[in-house]
Protein backbone atom coordinates (compact mmCIF):
# COMPACT_ATOMS: atom_id res chain seq x y z
CA MET A 1 -9.10 37.93 -25.64
CA ARG A 2 -6.93 39.98 -27.90
CA TYR A 3 -5.15 43.07 -26.43
CA LYS A 4 -3.19 46.08 -28.13
CA MET A 5 -1.20 48.31 -25.85
CA ASN A 6 0.36 51.21 -26.38
CA PHE A 7 3.17 52.91 -24.06
CA ASP A 8 3.84 56.61 -24.45
CA ILE A 9 7.53 57.59 -23.91
CA LEU A 10 6.80 60.53 -21.71
CA GLU A 11 9.28 63.11 -20.52
CA ASP A 12 7.93 63.22 -16.84
CA ASP A 13 8.26 60.66 -13.91
CA ASP A 14 4.84 59.01 -14.29
CA TRP A 15 3.95 56.45 -16.99
CA THR A 16 0.89 55.55 -19.01
CA GLY A 17 -0.26 51.96 -20.03
CA GLN A 18 -3.64 51.68 -21.72
CA VAL A 19 -5.16 48.34 -22.52
CA ARG A 20 -8.01 48.59 -25.29
CA ASP A 21 -10.37 46.22 -26.88
CA VAL A 22 -9.39 45.26 -30.14
CA LYS A 23 -12.56 46.69 -31.63
CA ASP A 24 -11.58 50.17 -29.91
CA PRO A 25 -9.76 52.58 -32.52
CA PHE A 26 -6.17 52.77 -32.11
CA ASP A 27 -4.58 56.02 -33.14
CA PRO A 28 -0.79 56.21 -32.30
CA GLN A 29 -0.76 60.08 -33.37
CA ALA A 30 -3.15 60.88 -30.51
CA SER A 31 -0.71 61.32 -28.06
CA GLY A 32 1.87 63.25 -29.83
CA HIS A 33 4.69 61.18 -28.25
CA ASP A 34 6.69 58.19 -29.43
CA ILE A 35 4.81 54.99 -29.39
CA LEU A 36 6.20 51.25 -28.22
CA MET A 37 3.08 49.11 -29.71
CA LEU A 38 2.59 45.70 -28.94
CA ASP A 39 -0.26 43.19 -30.26
CA LEU A 40 -0.52 39.95 -27.86
CA ASP A 41 -2.93 37.20 -28.28
CA ASP A 42 -3.22 34.57 -25.43
CA ASP A 43 -2.98 31.44 -27.78
CA GLU A 44 -0.18 32.61 -29.94
CA LEU A 45 1.91 33.66 -26.91
CA ALA A 46 1.15 30.18 -25.43
CA ALA A 47 2.37 28.74 -28.68
CA MET A 48 5.41 31.16 -28.71
CA ASN A 49 6.00 30.11 -24.71
CA SER A 50 6.11 26.29 -25.94
CA GLU A 51 8.52 27.01 -28.59
CA ASN A 52 10.69 29.14 -26.51
CA ASP A 53 10.95 26.32 -23.85
CA ALA A 54 12.16 23.66 -26.32
CA MET A 55 14.78 26.24 -27.42
CA PHE A 56 15.79 26.97 -23.84
CA GLU A 57 16.25 23.52 -22.88
CA ASP A 58 18.62 23.06 -26.18
CA LEU A 59 20.38 26.11 -24.98
CA VAL A 60 21.13 25.34 -21.56
CA GLY A 61 21.66 21.80 -22.27
CA GLU A 62 19.07 20.51 -19.64
CA ASN A 63 18.96 17.17 -21.65
CA ALA A 64 22.76 16.66 -21.37
CA SER A 65 22.22 13.28 -20.45
CA GLN A 66 20.98 12.40 -23.68
CA ALA A 67 23.43 13.92 -25.80
CA ASP A 68 26.84 12.65 -27.24
CA PRO A 69 29.49 14.38 -25.04
CA MET A 70 31.97 14.25 -27.80
CA GLN A 71 29.46 16.20 -30.13
CA ASP A 72 31.44 19.35 -31.28
CA ASP A 73 28.37 21.81 -31.71
CA PHE A 74 26.73 20.50 -28.21
CA ASP A 75 27.49 23.91 -26.40
CA GLN A 76 27.22 26.21 -28.94
CA ILE A 77 24.69 28.99 -28.64
CA ASP A 78 22.50 30.08 -31.31
CA PRO A 79 22.37 33.73 -31.17
CA VAL A 80 18.98 33.96 -32.67
CA ALA A 81 17.47 31.92 -30.07
CA GLY A 82 19.35 34.10 -27.48
CA LEU A 83 17.75 37.34 -28.83
CA GLU A 84 14.39 35.90 -28.93
CA ASN A 85 14.35 34.39 -25.47
CA ILE A 86 15.12 37.96 -24.04
CA ALA A 87 12.33 39.29 -25.95
CA ILE A 88 9.78 36.40 -25.10
CA GLY A 89 10.62 36.87 -21.59
CA PHE A 90 9.74 40.54 -21.68
CA PHE A 91 6.27 39.49 -23.56
CA GLU A 92 5.68 36.96 -20.80
CA GLN A 93 5.80 39.31 -18.04
CA LEU A 94 4.17 41.94 -20.04
CA SER A 95 1.06 39.39 -20.79
CA THR A 96 0.46 38.99 -17.13
CA ALA A 97 1.17 42.82 -15.92
CA PHE A 98 -2.39 43.57 -17.28
CA PRO A 99 -4.79 41.11 -16.28
CA ASP A 100 -8.00 42.86 -17.08
CA ALA A 101 -9.51 45.83 -18.78
CA GLU A 102 -9.99 47.83 -15.49
CA TYR A 103 -6.37 49.06 -15.85
CA HIS A 104 -7.81 51.63 -18.21
CA SER A 105 -7.81 53.72 -15.10
CA HIS A 106 -5.09 56.31 -14.79
CA ARG A 107 -5.23 56.11 -10.83
CA LYS A 108 -2.02 55.51 -9.17
CA ARG A 109 -1.59 51.72 -7.97
CA GLU A 110 1.10 49.20 -7.04
CA ARG A 111 2.32 47.13 -9.86
CA ASN A 112 5.42 44.87 -10.29
CA PRO A 113 7.69 46.38 -12.89
CA ILE A 114 8.69 44.28 -15.97
CA SER A 115 12.49 44.00 -16.25
CA ILE A 116 14.77 42.60 -18.80
CA SER A 117 18.37 41.33 -17.08
CA LEU A 118 21.48 42.22 -18.80
CA VAL A 119 25.07 41.04 -17.85
CA ASP A 120 26.75 43.73 -16.00
CA ARG A 121 30.25 44.37 -17.75
CA THR A 122 31.27 47.05 -15.34
CA LYS A 123 31.64 44.27 -12.42
CA THR A 124 33.64 41.30 -12.01
CA ALA A 125 32.07 37.73 -11.78
CA LYS A 126 30.83 36.15 -8.70
CA GLU A 127 32.77 33.75 -6.74
CA ASP A 128 31.07 30.83 -8.39
CA GLY A 129 31.85 32.49 -11.78
CA ALA A 130 28.44 33.68 -12.56
CA SER A 131 28.05 36.83 -14.37
CA THR A 132 26.84 39.95 -12.07
CA MET A 133 23.46 40.93 -13.66
CA LYS A 134 21.63 44.45 -13.98
CA THR A 135 18.19 45.09 -14.78
CA VAL A 136 16.28 47.35 -17.34
CA SER A 137 12.81 47.69 -15.86
CA PHE A 138 9.62 49.07 -16.95
CA PRO A 139 8.08 51.09 -16.03
CA GLN A 140 10.54 53.42 -14.54
CA ASN A 141 10.24 56.72 -12.21
CA THR A 142 12.47 58.78 -14.18
CA LYS A 143 12.19 62.34 -15.81
CA ARG A 144 13.30 60.79 -19.24
CA GLY A 145 10.36 58.45 -19.74
CA SER A 146 9.28 55.36 -18.07
CA SER A 147 9.46 53.14 -20.99
CA ARG A 148 12.38 54.81 -23.10
CA SER A 149 15.24 52.32 -21.87
CA THR A 150 13.07 49.49 -22.37
CA ALA A 151 11.93 50.62 -26.06
CA GLN A 152 16.01 51.13 -26.75
CA VAL A 153 16.90 47.23 -25.67
CA LEU A 154 13.91 45.79 -27.59
CA ARG A 155 14.45 48.21 -30.68
CA ILE A 156 18.20 47.06 -30.79
CA ILE A 157 17.21 43.26 -30.40
CA ASP A 158 14.98 43.72 -33.36
CA LEU A 159 17.72 45.29 -35.53
CA MET A 160 20.28 42.53 -34.72
CA HIS A 161 17.50 39.85 -35.12
CA GLU A 162 16.78 41.30 -38.73
CA ALA A 163 20.53 41.46 -39.54
CA LEU A 164 21.07 37.76 -38.68
CA HIS A 165 17.88 36.25 -40.59
CA GLU A 166 18.69 38.92 -43.83
CA GLU A 167 22.61 37.73 -43.39
CA VAL A 168 23.16 41.47 -43.82
CA PRO A 169 25.63 42.84 -41.11
CA ILE A 170 25.08 46.19 -39.28
CA THR A 171 27.09 48.46 -37.39
CA LYS A 172 26.52 50.39 -34.47
CA ARG A 173 26.54 53.35 -36.32
CA ASP A 174 23.84 52.13 -38.71
CA MET A 175 21.58 51.34 -35.43
CA TYR A 176 21.62 54.66 -34.32
CA TYR A 177 20.62 56.30 -37.57
CA ARG A 178 17.82 53.94 -38.04
CA ASP A 179 16.00 55.43 -34.90
CA VAL A 180 17.74 58.63 -33.83
CA SER A 181 14.64 60.02 -31.91
CA LEU A 182 14.81 56.86 -29.86
CA PHE A 183 18.23 56.47 -28.94
CA LYS A 184 19.26 60.03 -28.63
CA THR A 185 23.27 59.24 -28.53
CA GLN A 186 25.31 56.81 -30.10
CA SER A 187 26.53 55.84 -26.35
CA ILE A 188 23.13 54.20 -25.73
CA VAL A 189 23.46 51.80 -28.68
CA ASN A 190 27.05 51.13 -27.85
CA LYS A 191 26.30 50.29 -24.27
CA TYR A 192 23.09 47.71 -25.05
CA VAL A 193 24.56 46.03 -28.20
CA ASP A 194 27.81 44.94 -25.79
CA ASP A 195 25.54 44.26 -22.87
CA LEU A 196 22.98 41.93 -24.93
CA ALA A 197 26.22 40.10 -26.67
CA ALA A 198 27.55 39.45 -23.18
CA THR A 199 24.31 38.43 -21.73
CA ILE A 200 23.99 35.83 -24.70
CA GLY A 201 27.31 34.75 -24.31
CA VAL A 202 28.51 35.41 -27.71
CA GLY A 203 30.68 38.20 -29.78
CA ARG A 204 29.45 41.20 -31.47
CA GLY A 205 30.26 39.46 -34.95
CA ASP A 206 28.01 36.34 -33.86
CA LEU A 207 25.21 38.68 -33.72
CA ASN A 208 25.94 40.00 -37.15
CA VAL A 209 26.97 43.66 -35.62
CA ARG A 210 30.23 44.62 -37.27
CA ALA A 211 32.76 47.47 -35.91
CA SER A 212 33.35 50.39 -38.36
CA SER A 213 37.12 50.62 -38.93
CA LYS A 214 39.20 53.79 -38.20
CA GLY A 215 42.36 52.44 -37.35
CA LEU A 216 45.46 52.74 -39.61
CA PHE A 217 48.75 51.24 -40.54
CA SER A 218 51.89 51.94 -42.45
CA GLY A 219 54.77 49.56 -43.18
CA ALA A 220 55.38 47.48 -46.44
CA GLY A 221 56.17 44.46 -43.85
CA LEU A 222 52.30 43.63 -43.79
CA THR A 223 50.10 42.53 -46.39
CA ILE A 224 46.26 41.58 -45.87
CA HIS A 225 44.28 39.31 -47.82
CA LEU A 226 40.45 39.89 -47.98
CA HIS A 227 37.66 37.40 -48.27
CA SER A 228 36.64 39.70 -51.43
CA GLY A 229 39.72 38.65 -53.18
CA GLU A 230 41.12 42.23 -52.47
CA THR A 231 44.63 42.47 -51.20
CA LEU A 232 45.66 45.41 -49.04
CA TYR A 233 49.61 46.01 -49.40
CA GLY A 234 51.09 48.01 -46.79
CA ASN A 235 53.21 51.22 -47.72
CA ASP A 236 56.36 52.89 -46.12
CA SER A 237 54.97 56.37 -46.41
CA GLU A 238 51.30 56.13 -46.48
CA SER A 239 48.33 54.91 -44.26
CA THR A 240 46.18 51.96 -44.94
CA LEU A 241 42.76 51.63 -43.16
CA ILE A 242 42.53 48.47 -41.03
CA PRO A 243 39.81 46.35 -42.45
CA VAL A 244 37.28 44.59 -39.76
CA ALA A 245 38.21 41.19 -38.61
CA ASP A 246 35.33 39.46 -40.36
CA ASP A 247 36.64 40.57 -43.88
CA ILE A 248 40.09 39.49 -43.44
CA GLU A 249 40.93 36.08 -44.82
CA LYS A 250 44.61 36.03 -43.89
CA PHE A 251 48.09 38.26 -42.86
CA GLU A 252 51.18 37.83 -44.52
CA MET A 253 54.31 39.23 -43.03
CA ARG A 254 57.53 40.30 -44.94
CA ASP A 255 60.70 38.43 -44.16
CA GLY A 256 62.91 40.86 -42.07
CA LEU A 257 60.05 42.31 -40.07
CA SER A 258 61.84 43.30 -37.03
CA TRP A 259 59.43 45.66 -34.61
CA VAL A 260 55.95 46.62 -34.23
CA LEU A 261 55.17 50.39 -32.94
CA ILE A 262 51.69 51.27 -31.72
CA VAL A 263 51.14 55.13 -31.83
CA GLU A 264 48.24 56.84 -29.71
CA LYS A 265 47.87 60.02 -31.89
CA GLU A 266 47.10 60.09 -35.75
CA ALA A 267 49.25 63.36 -35.93
CA VAL A 268 52.11 61.17 -34.75
CA PHE A 269 51.69 58.39 -36.89
CA GLN A 270 50.97 60.43 -40.05
CA THR A 271 54.29 62.24 -39.32
CA LEU A 272 56.08 58.96 -39.15
CA ALA A 273 54.67 57.31 -41.98
CA ARG A 274 55.49 60.77 -44.08
CA LEU A 275 59.31 60.38 -43.01
CA SER A 276 58.94 56.53 -44.04
CA PHE A 277 59.95 55.55 -40.54
CA SER A 278 58.92 51.93 -40.85
CA LYS A 279 62.22 51.55 -43.14
CA HIS A 280 64.40 53.99 -40.97
CA PRO A 281 68.18 53.02 -42.08
CA CYS A 282 69.07 53.47 -38.37
CA LEU A 283 66.98 50.61 -37.26
CA PRO A 284 68.06 46.65 -38.02
CA GLY A 285 65.06 45.93 -40.01
CA HIS A 286 61.64 46.95 -41.27
CA GLY A 287 58.74 47.53 -38.86
CA ILE A 288 54.84 48.52 -38.82
CA ILE A 289 53.43 51.30 -37.14
CA ILE A 290 49.58 51.26 -35.98
CA THR A 291 47.50 53.82 -34.60
CA GLY A 292 44.13 53.53 -33.33
CA LYS A 293 43.24 57.29 -33.03
CA GLY A 294 43.18 57.65 -29.61
CA TYR A 295 41.23 55.04 -27.87
CA PRO A 296 41.12 52.22 -30.43
CA ASP A 297 38.45 50.38 -32.16
CA ILE A 298 37.55 46.84 -32.50
CA ALA A 299 39.58 45.97 -35.66
CA THR A 300 42.60 48.01 -34.37
CA ARG A 301 42.66 45.93 -31.36
CA GLN A 302 42.01 42.75 -33.16
CA LEU A 303 44.81 43.29 -35.49
CA VAL A 304 47.38 43.98 -32.68
CA CYS A 305 46.03 40.90 -30.83
CA THR A 306 46.83 39.02 -33.91
CA LEU A 307 50.30 40.27 -34.36
CA ALA A 308 51.01 39.65 -30.72
CA ASP A 309 49.82 35.87 -30.81
CA ASN A 310 51.30 35.00 -34.00
CA LEU A 311 54.56 36.96 -34.42
CA PRO A 312 58.08 35.56 -32.81
CA VAL A 313 58.31 36.87 -29.06
CA ILE A 314 61.95 38.16 -30.20
CA ILE A 315 59.94 40.70 -32.18
CA PRO A 316 59.08 43.68 -30.20
CA MET A 317 56.06 45.53 -29.47
CA ILE A 318 56.04 48.46 -28.16
CA ALA A 319 53.63 51.56 -27.52
CA LEU A 320 54.25 55.29 -27.89
CA VAL A 321 51.73 57.14 -25.92
CA ASP A 322 51.25 60.49 -23.80
CA GLY A 323 52.99 60.14 -20.55
CA ASP A 324 49.76 61.22 -18.83
CA ALA A 325 46.56 58.99 -17.48
CA PHE A 326 44.76 59.38 -20.72
CA GLY A 327 47.97 57.89 -22.78
CA ILE A 328 48.36 55.23 -20.10
CA ASP A 329 44.66 54.19 -20.01
CA ILE A 330 44.53 54.16 -23.93
CA MET A 331 47.90 51.88 -23.67
CA SER A 332 45.91 49.49 -21.09
CA VAL A 333 42.98 48.96 -23.53
CA TYR A 334 45.64 47.39 -26.19
CA LYS A 335 47.51 45.54 -23.21
CA PHE A 336 44.69 44.27 -20.92
CA GLY A 337 41.39 45.03 -22.75
CA SER A 338 38.21 47.05 -21.50
CA SER A 339 35.78 46.29 -19.05
CA SER A 340 33.03 47.32 -21.38
CA MET A 341 34.74 44.20 -23.69
CA SER A 342 35.78 41.93 -20.98
CA HIS A 343 33.54 39.03 -22.59
CA GLU A 344 35.84 38.99 -25.80
CA ARG A 345 39.22 39.85 -23.84
CA GLU A 346 41.07 36.75 -25.55
CA THR A 347 40.86 38.06 -29.02
CA LEU A 348 41.42 42.05 -28.11
CA THR A 349 44.36 41.87 -25.95
CA ALA A 350 48.18 41.83 -26.44
CA PRO A 351 49.57 41.17 -22.83
CA ARG A 352 53.22 41.33 -24.58
CA LEU A 353 52.88 44.87 -25.49
CA GLN A 354 55.58 47.08 -23.73
CA TRP A 355 55.48 50.75 -22.99
CA ALA A 356 58.54 52.57 -24.94
CA GLY A 357 57.43 56.06 -23.57
CA VAL A 358 56.78 59.11 -22.95
CA PHE A 359 58.01 59.00 -19.46
CA GLY A 360 57.55 62.27 -17.58
CA SER A 361 60.47 60.78 -15.13
CA GLU A 362 62.96 60.61 -18.33
CA LEU A 363 62.64 63.82 -20.13
CA ALA A 364 65.18 65.59 -17.90
CA GLN A 365 67.71 63.56 -19.47
CA PHE A 366 66.73 64.28 -22.78
CA GLY A 367 66.81 68.19 -22.15
CA VAL A 368 63.14 68.76 -21.66
CA GLU A 369 62.75 71.63 -18.94
CA ARG A 370 59.86 71.05 -16.59
CA ASP A 371 58.27 74.33 -17.58
CA SER A 372 57.85 72.62 -21.14
CA MET A 373 55.38 70.09 -20.09
CA LEU A 374 51.73 70.81 -19.33
CA ALA A 375 50.28 71.45 -16.13
CA LEU A 376 48.17 68.86 -14.54
CA THR A 377 44.44 69.55 -14.25
CA LYS A 378 42.00 68.28 -11.77
CA HIS A 379 40.46 66.00 -14.49
CA ASP A 380 44.04 64.43 -15.25
CA GLU A 381 44.55 63.79 -11.39
CA LYS A 382 41.14 62.07 -11.00
CA LYS A 383 41.84 59.87 -13.88
CA ALA A 384 45.19 59.24 -12.56
CA ARG A 385 43.89 58.03 -9.23
CA THR A 386 41.44 55.75 -11.08
CA LEU A 387 44.14 54.06 -12.92
CA LEU A 388 46.53 53.51 -9.40
CA SER A 389 43.42 51.66 -8.10
CA ARG A 390 43.49 49.04 -10.56
CA PRO A 391 45.50 45.97 -9.21
CA GLU A 392 46.89 44.81 -12.49
CA LEU A 393 48.57 48.00 -13.18
CA PRO A 394 52.21 47.38 -13.72
CA ALA A 395 54.74 48.99 -10.97
CA THR A 396 56.67 51.09 -13.33
CA TRP A 397 53.06 52.51 -14.89
CA ARG A 398 52.30 53.23 -11.35
CA ARG A 399 55.41 54.81 -10.43
CA GLU A 400 55.02 57.23 -13.64
CA LEU A 401 51.21 57.88 -12.21
CA GLN A 402 52.72 58.94 -9.05
CA HIS A 403 55.42 61.24 -10.61
CA MET A 404 52.93 62.89 -12.55
CA ILE A 405 50.74 63.96 -9.57
CA PHE A 406 53.96 64.97 -7.30
CA THR A 407 55.49 67.08 -10.23
CA ARG A 408 51.99 68.47 -11.19
CA ARG A 409 53.15 67.90 -14.98
CA LYS A 410 52.22 65.61 -17.57
CA ALA A 411 54.22 64.79 -20.56
CA GLU A 412 52.69 64.70 -23.92
CA ILE A 413 54.38 63.25 -27.05
CA GLU A 414 54.48 66.57 -28.69
CA VAL A 415 56.95 67.78 -25.97
CA LEU A 416 59.89 65.96 -27.74
CA ALA A 417 60.18 68.64 -30.24
CA ASN A 418 62.02 70.44 -27.30
CA ALA A 419 64.22 67.52 -26.80
CA LYS A 420 68.05 68.21 -27.18
CA PRO A 421 69.86 65.69 -29.84
CA LEU A 422 70.40 62.08 -28.33
CA VAL A 423 73.60 62.15 -29.86
CA ASN A 424 77.08 62.38 -28.28
CA ASP A 425 80.07 64.33 -29.97
CA LEU A 426 81.32 61.06 -31.61
CA GLY A 427 77.45 60.98 -33.48
CA PHE A 428 76.33 57.94 -31.51
CA ILE A 429 73.19 57.57 -29.37
CA ARG A 430 73.83 58.71 -25.88
CA PRO A 431 73.07 56.02 -23.38
CA SER A 432 70.37 56.36 -20.86
CA SER A 433 71.58 57.04 -17.45
CA SER A 434 68.30 55.07 -16.04
CA ASN A 435 69.40 52.18 -13.78
CA ASN A 436 70.02 48.74 -15.29
CA GLN A 437 68.98 49.90 -18.80
CA ILE A 438 70.24 48.33 -21.85
CA VAL A 439 72.87 50.57 -23.39
CA THR A 440 71.83 51.14 -27.23
CA PRO A 441 74.44 49.71 -29.71
CA PRO A 442 76.14 52.83 -31.10
CA VAL A 443 74.74 53.69 -34.43
CA SER A 444 75.20 56.98 -36.75
CA LEU A 445 72.38 59.07 -37.49
CA PRO A 446 71.25 61.03 -40.44
CA SER A 447 71.69 64.73 -39.91
CA PRO A 448 69.45 66.60 -39.56
CA GLU A 449 67.21 64.24 -37.60
CA ASN A 450 63.52 64.96 -36.30
CA ALA A 451 63.58 64.75 -32.70
CA LEU A 452 60.60 62.34 -32.63
CA THR A 453 62.65 59.88 -34.65
CA ARG A 454 65.63 60.38 -32.71
CA TYR A 455 63.62 59.46 -29.80
CA LEU A 456 62.14 56.61 -31.42
CA VAL A 457 65.25 55.12 -32.88
CA HIS A 458 66.59 54.96 -29.32
CA LYS A 459 63.95 53.11 -27.87
CA LEU A 460 63.10 50.72 -30.66
CA SER A 461 67.24 50.02 -30.89
CA VAL A 462 67.04 49.39 -26.82
CA ALA A 463 64.07 46.99 -27.32
CA ILE A 464 65.52 45.19 -30.31
CA ALA A 465 68.99 44.78 -29.02
CA GLY A 466 67.94 43.74 -25.42
CA ARG A 467 64.65 42.13 -26.43
CA ALA A 468 63.48 43.07 -22.94
CA ALA A 469 64.71 46.21 -21.29
CA PRO A 470 63.77 47.33 -17.47
CA THR A 471 62.49 50.81 -19.32
CA LEU A 472 60.15 49.14 -21.49
CA VAL A 473 57.35 47.73 -19.45
């Protein structure tokens, strides 16, 4: 028997599943809703199941005893097979959900939902190392329609499967615009792409899904060679778009590179680039400045991770972010990674990254009055308390968050415009009074000097001279 099934994506709390004989007319326009169409044949499904079983055995290694344990590709996962396994598993459940044509009836009835199991990236693994799972079920009793979530997952599988077979990369943004009416928001695509990658056990790049770039870098100390043959030369006074990792063949570092600065905000980054801060005369050596324009994209995180893994440890990597909960959270994404991308953490984190500022607790010594700082909002406080619940949070970060909650003030980078000059009467940087802080070597500053650059010269000089100062955490 051959059946055609159509599932209306309704905007109510019920669901409709109709099974019609192949001779019956099938008009997808009749309902006026979005349609998920499936055409199933018992013999074809049995053949697919047989093929799927063989692929699954190869995937999980049930015949490991017959395999060469030294074979390099034994444990490799085929992303195409992984996608097909998920889709076929859904169709297997669907084929047994409607055993006969009596299901034409619209009467309420007991039924077992069909589900797709995905890794829950927001939760830690179990004690035995197994991933915590979540399910996307059909039907669902939701006001947004009973089959929309399932249709979204299957559509994303279809798009990734197509990208792999045609060997044409696709971005999350491309996926969203391929079916806006189904996905509704970009966040839906972002969530399910990463869920599927984590479930199969591969990176997004293995599924031919590429990250769109938004991050920038400045500084002649970095040159990037692309597979296309193009070469991106860093510039001290201009920004360069950070390419995705799949396009990069190799990096080339300039001799004399002395520091790397990660900046939260693009406006601050552009100010530093315009002032050619990467070759500031008061700093002992050239540097590289990077921004992810807020929460960083994958390409920016991959670049920071690559620099952290390959640069000598004597070259400091420091971050300049707002002294509030969101600035600290952005920095934690660079340093520790994000929960949504925990399955790719090894290639996206820079544990050696240190926090240079802005510290709300230190601004008084720079002449910034409390009233110059912004008041803490309820949203800020809620975010701060969420961060304080993280066990991996460094002690200094924790103290800054507690200081912010206690004083009801947050320190944004822009507040440095109100800072008094960090120079004493002799024209040298005034040492900080912080406990056990390494004193910055005396260095003359050009006049007039931007308040932001004075602050950063001070912080970078401490990091370069001491290599590990207590105020850089």
